[in-house]
């Protein structure tokens, strides 16, 4: 029997300053805070949660891998408007809005810890529509 995956529930980002990261996700992207415990803060990200976790290891997390690269892709209605709004807030732009060959329009910004945050606008015939 296969596992019935329903989608992403939580994405964990290990950040150098939880308060600074939370401020970015709450103020720049408008994501509501839904949880705070033991130095961790979670914001609601559509149906999922984004958990901002201190990057230093603690006794409960010694087995967790802290290496590798993480990118977030966030669906937006208007990539150009979202990018302009973030640019106006001083958010560094990594990748200008571009029509991609797979049918989406994407742009990317950087969060305070240098994680790339891609803004994705679905277009007709994009790979997520099954067309």
C-alpha atoms as a PDB file:
ATOM      1  CA  UNK A   1       0.000   0.000   0.000  1.00  0.00           C
ATOM      2  CA  UNK A   2       1.349   3.432  -0.972  1.00  0.00           C
ATOM      3  CA  UNK A   3       1.575   6.350   1.415  1.00  0.00           C
ATOM      4  CA  UNK A   4      -1.127   8.914   0.680  1.00  0.00           C
ATOM      5  CA  UNK A   5       0.787  12.206   0.548  1.00  0.00           C
ATOM      6  CA  UNK A   6      -1.568  15.178   0.644  1.00  0.00           C
ATOM      7  CA  UNK A   7       0.974  17.943   0.049  1.00  0.00           C
ATOM      8  CA  UNK A   8       3.526  19.894   1.989  1.00  0.00           C
ATOM      9  CA  UNK A   9       2.574  20.378   5.630  1.00  0.00           C
ATOM     10  CA  UNK A  10       5.657  22.115   7.049  1.00  0.00           C
ATOM     11  CA  UNK A  11       8.891  23.453   5.627  1.00  0.00           C
ATOM     12  CA  UNK A  12      11.679  24.034   8.154  1.00  0.00           C
ATOM     13  CA  UNK A  13      14.273  26.718   7.522  1.00  0.00           C
ATOM     14  CA  UNK A  14      17.281  26.880   9.814  1.00  0.00           C
ATOM     15  CA  UNK A  15      18.017  30.582  10.216  1.00  0.00           C
ATOM     16  CA  UNK A  16      20.668  32.624  12.009  1.00  0.00           C
ATOM     17  CA  UNK A  17      18.156  35.028  13.583  1.00  0.00           C
ATOM     18  CA  UNK A  18      14.604  33.718  14.071  1.00  0.00           C
ATOM     19  CA  UNK A  19      13.109  37.122  14.944  1.00  0.00           C
ATOM     20  CA  UNK A  20      14.671  38.769  11.870  1.00  0.00           C
ATOM     21  CA  UNK A  21      13.480  35.948   9.604  1.00  0.00           C
ATOM     22  CA  UNK A  22       9.977  36.032  11.118  1.00  0.00           C
ATOM     23  CA  UNK A  23       9.823  39.773  10.534  1.00  0.00           C
ATOM     24  CA  UNK A  24      10.653  39.229   6.853  1.00  0.00           C
ATOM     25  CA  UNK A  25       8.021  36.534   6.325  1.00  0.00           C
ATOM     26  CA  UNK A  26       5.374  38.408   8.332  1.00  0.00           C
ATOM     27  CA  UNK A  27       5.973  41.968   7.118  1.00  0.00           C
ATOM     28  CA  UNK A  28       7.410  41.580   3.600  1.00  0.00           C
ATOM     29  CA  UNK A  29       5.317  38.587   2.543  1.00  0.00           C
ATOM     30  CA  UNK A  30       2.295  39.063   4.817  1.00  0.00           C
ATOM     31  CA  UNK A  31       2.319  35.541   6.252  1.00  0.00           C
ATOM     32  CA  UNK A  32       0.542  35.289   9.634  1.00  0.00           C
ATOM     33  CA  UNK A  33       2.385  33.921  12.669  1.00  0.00           C
ATOM     34  CA  UNK A  34       0.662  30.758  13.909  1.00  0.00           C
ATOM     35  CA  UNK A  35       3.101  29.256  16.410  1.00  0.00           C
ATOM     36  CA  UNK A  36       5.962  30.195  18.674  1.00  0.00           C
ATOM     37  CA  UNK A  37       7.753  27.795  21.017  1.00  0.00           C
ATOM     38  CA  UNK A  38      11.304  27.273  22.319  1.00  0.00           C
ATOM     39  CA  UNK A  39      12.827  29.890  20.038  1.00  0.00           C
ATOM     40  CA  UNK A  40      11.017  28.659  16.943  1.00  0.00           C
ATOM     41  CA  UNK A  41       8.376  30.619  15.031  1.00  0.00           C
ATOM     42  CA  UNK A  42       5.957  29.265  12.426  1.00  0.00           C
ATOM     43  CA  UNK A  43       4.008  31.258   9.851  1.00  0.00           C
ATOM     44  CA  UNK A  44       1.104  29.997   7.775  1.00  0.00           C
ATOM     45  CA  UNK A  45       2.041  29.364   4.155  1.00  0.00           C
ATOM     46  CA  UNK A  46      -1.210  28.502   2.367  1.00  0.00           C
ATOM     47  CA  UNK A  47      -2.107  25.001   3.527  1.00  0.00           C
ATOM     48  CA  UNK A  48       1.405  24.490   4.926  1.00  0.00           C
ATOM     49  CA  UNK A  49       3.483  26.049   7.671  1.00  0.00           C
ATOM     50  CA  UNK A  50       6.952  27.528   7.459  1.00  0.00           C
ATOM     51  CA  UNK A  51       8.880  26.824  10.659  1.00  0.00           C
ATOM     52  CA  UNK A  52      11.809  29.120  11.353  1.00  0.00           C
ATOM     53  CA  UNK A  53      14.297  27.216  13.494  1.00  0.00           C
ATOM     54  CA  UNK A  54      17.512  28.540  15.063  1.00  0.00           C
ATOM     55  CA  UNK A  55      20.479  27.294  13.049  1.00  0.00           C
ATOM     56  CA  UNK A  56      22.525  26.265  16.079  1.00  0.00           C
ATOM     57  CA  UNK A  57      22.182  22.667  17.223  1.00  0.00           C
ATOM     58  CA  UNK A  58      20.479  21.830  20.492  1.00  0.00           C
ATOM     59  CA  UNK A  59      20.370  18.556  22.397  1.00  0.00           C
ATOM     60  CA  UNK A  60      17.106  17.480  20.742  1.00  0.00           C
ATOM     61  CA  UNK A  61      18.327  18.187  17.210  1.00  0.00           C
ATOM     62  CA  UNK A  62      21.810  16.628  17.110  1.00  0.00           C
ATOM     63  CA  UNK A  63      20.803  14.098  14.437  1.00  0.00           C
ATOM     64  CA  UNK A  64      19.164  16.617  12.099  1.00  0.00           C
ATOM     65  CA  UNK A  65      21.130  17.316   8.938  1.00  0.00           C
ATOM     66  CA  UNK A  66      21.951  21.006   8.602  1.00  0.00           C
ATOM     67  CA  UNK A  67      23.580  20.851   5.215  1.00  0.00           C
ATOM     68  CA  UNK A  68      22.182  21.349   1.757  1.00  0.00           C
ATOM     69  CA  UNK A  69      20.240  23.997  -0.036  1.00  0.00           C
ATOM     70  CA  UNK A  70      16.640  24.975   0.416  1.00  0.00           C
ATOM     71  CA  UNK A  71      14.500  26.974  -1.988  1.00  0.00           C
ATOM     72  CA  UNK A  72      10.879  27.953  -1.531  1.00  0.00           C
ATOM     73  CA  UNK A  73       8.484  28.392  -4.407  1.00  0.00           C
ATOM     74  CA  UNK A  74       5.470  30.492  -3.505  1.00  0.00           C
ATOM     75  CA  UNK A  75       2.498  30.799  -5.824  1.00  0.00           C
ATOM     76  CA  UNK A  76       1.361  34.383  -6.433  1.00  0.00           C
ATOM     77  CA  UNK A  77      -1.331  35.899  -8.649  1.00  0.00           C
ATOM     78  CA  UNK A  78       0.935  38.552 -10.205  1.00  0.00           C
ATOM     79  CA  UNK A  79       4.703  37.979 -10.128  1.00  0.00           C
ATOM     80  CA  UNK A  80       5.565  41.455 -11.402  1.00  0.00           C
ATOM     81  CA  UNK A  81       3.426  43.222  -8.798  1.00  0.00           C
ATOM     82  CA  UNK A  82       4.742  41.000  -5.980  1.00  0.00           C
ATOM     83  CA  UNK A  83       8.344  41.555  -7.056  1.00  0.00           C
ATOM     84  CA  UNK A  84       7.813  45.315  -7.228  1.00  0.00           C
ATOM     85  CA  UNK A  85       6.265  45.363  -3.766  1.00  0.00           C
ATOM     86  CA  UNK A  86       9.178  43.408  -2.278  1.00  0.00           C
ATOM     87  CA  UNK A  87      11.753  45.528  -4.106  1.00  0.00           C
ATOM     88  CA  UNK A  88      10.076  48.645  -2.656  1.00  0.00           C
ATOM     89  CA  UNK A  89      10.519  47.102   0.806  1.00  0.00           C
ATOM     90  CA  UNK A  90      14.245  46.710   0.183  1.00  0.00           C
ATOM     91  CA  UNK A  91      14.197  42.954  -0.349  1.00  0.00           C
ATOM     92  CA  UNK A  92      17.150  41.840  -2.514  1.00  0.00           C
ATOM     93  CA  UNK A  93      16.122  40.528  -5.946  1.00  0.00           C
ATOM     94  CA  UNK A  94      17.901  37.366  -7.064  1.00  0.00           C
ATOM     95  CA  UNK A  95      16.094  36.767 -10.357  1.00  0.00           C
ATOM     96  CA  UNK A  96      13.931  39.193 -12.336  1.00  0.00           C
ATOM     97  CA  UNK A  97      10.496  38.057 -13.529  1.00  0.00           C
ATOM     98  CA  UNK A  98      10.889  35.705 -16.474  1.00  0.00           C
ATOM     99  CA  UNK A  99       8.486  33.641 -18.566  1.00  0.00           C
ATOM    100  CA  UNK A 100       9.789  30.102 -18.172  1.00  0.00           C
ATOM    101  CA  UNK A 101       9.597  27.424 -20.878  1.00  0.00           C
ATOM    102  CA  UNK A 102       7.441  25.230 -18.626  1.00  0.00           C
ATOM    103  CA  UNK A 103       4.646  27.828 -18.676  1.00  0.00           C
ATOM    104  CA  UNK A 104       5.183  29.745 -15.439  1.00  0.00           C
ATOM    105  CA  UNK A 105       6.375  33.273 -14.789  1.00  0.00           C
ATOM    106  CA  UNK A 106       8.996  33.233 -12.032  1.00  0.00           C
ATOM    107  CA  UNK A 107      11.071  35.726 -10.079  1.00  0.00           C
ATOM    108  CA  UNK A 108      13.200  35.259  -6.970  1.00  0.00           C
ATOM    109  CA  UNK A 109      14.172  37.292  -3.928  1.00  0.00           C
ATOM    110  CA  UNK A 110      16.455  36.551  -1.002  1.00  0.00           C
ATOM    111  CA  UNK A 111      15.341  36.269   2.592  1.00  0.00           C
ATOM    112  CA  UNK A 112      17.597  37.650   5.357  1.00  0.00           C
ATOM    113  CA  UNK A 113      19.564  34.384   5.555  1.00  0.00           C
ATOM    114  CA  UNK A 114      20.134  34.181   1.800  1.00  0.00           C
ATOM    115  CA  UNK A 115      17.484  31.551   1.068  1.00  0.00           C
ATOM    116  CA  UNK A 116      16.062  32.007  -2.423  1.00  0.00           C
ATOM    117  CA  UNK A 117      12.316  32.624  -2.371  1.00  0.00           C
ATOM    118  CA  UNK A 118      10.805  32.089  -5.817  1.00  0.00           C
ATOM    119  CA  UNK A 119       7.560  33.815  -6.719  1.00  0.00           C
ATOM    120  CA  UNK A 120       5.671  31.748  -9.251  1.00  0.00           C
ATOM    121  CA  UNK A 121       2.665  32.721 -11.333  1.00  0.00           C
ATOM    122  CA  UNK A 122       0.910  29.900 -13.135  1.00  0.00           C
ATOM    123  CA  UNK A 123       0.215  30.402 -16.796  1.00  0.00           C
ATOM    124  CA  UNK A 124      -1.886  28.522 -19.287  1.00  0.00           C
ATOM    125  CA  UNK A 125      -0.236  25.222 -20.053  1.00  0.00           C
ATOM    126  CA  UNK A 126       2.115  25.264 -17.055  1.00  0.00           C
ATOM    127  CA  UNK A 127       3.407  21.927 -15.801  1.00  0.00           C
ATOM    128  CA  UNK A 128       1.142  22.039 -12.704  1.00  0.00           C
ATOM    129  CA  UNK A 129      -2.050  22.198 -14.769  1.00  0.00           C
ATOM    130  CA  UNK A 130      -1.417  18.841 -16.434  1.00  0.00           C
ATOM    131  CA  UNK A 131      -1.785  20.401 -19.904  1.00  0.00           C
END
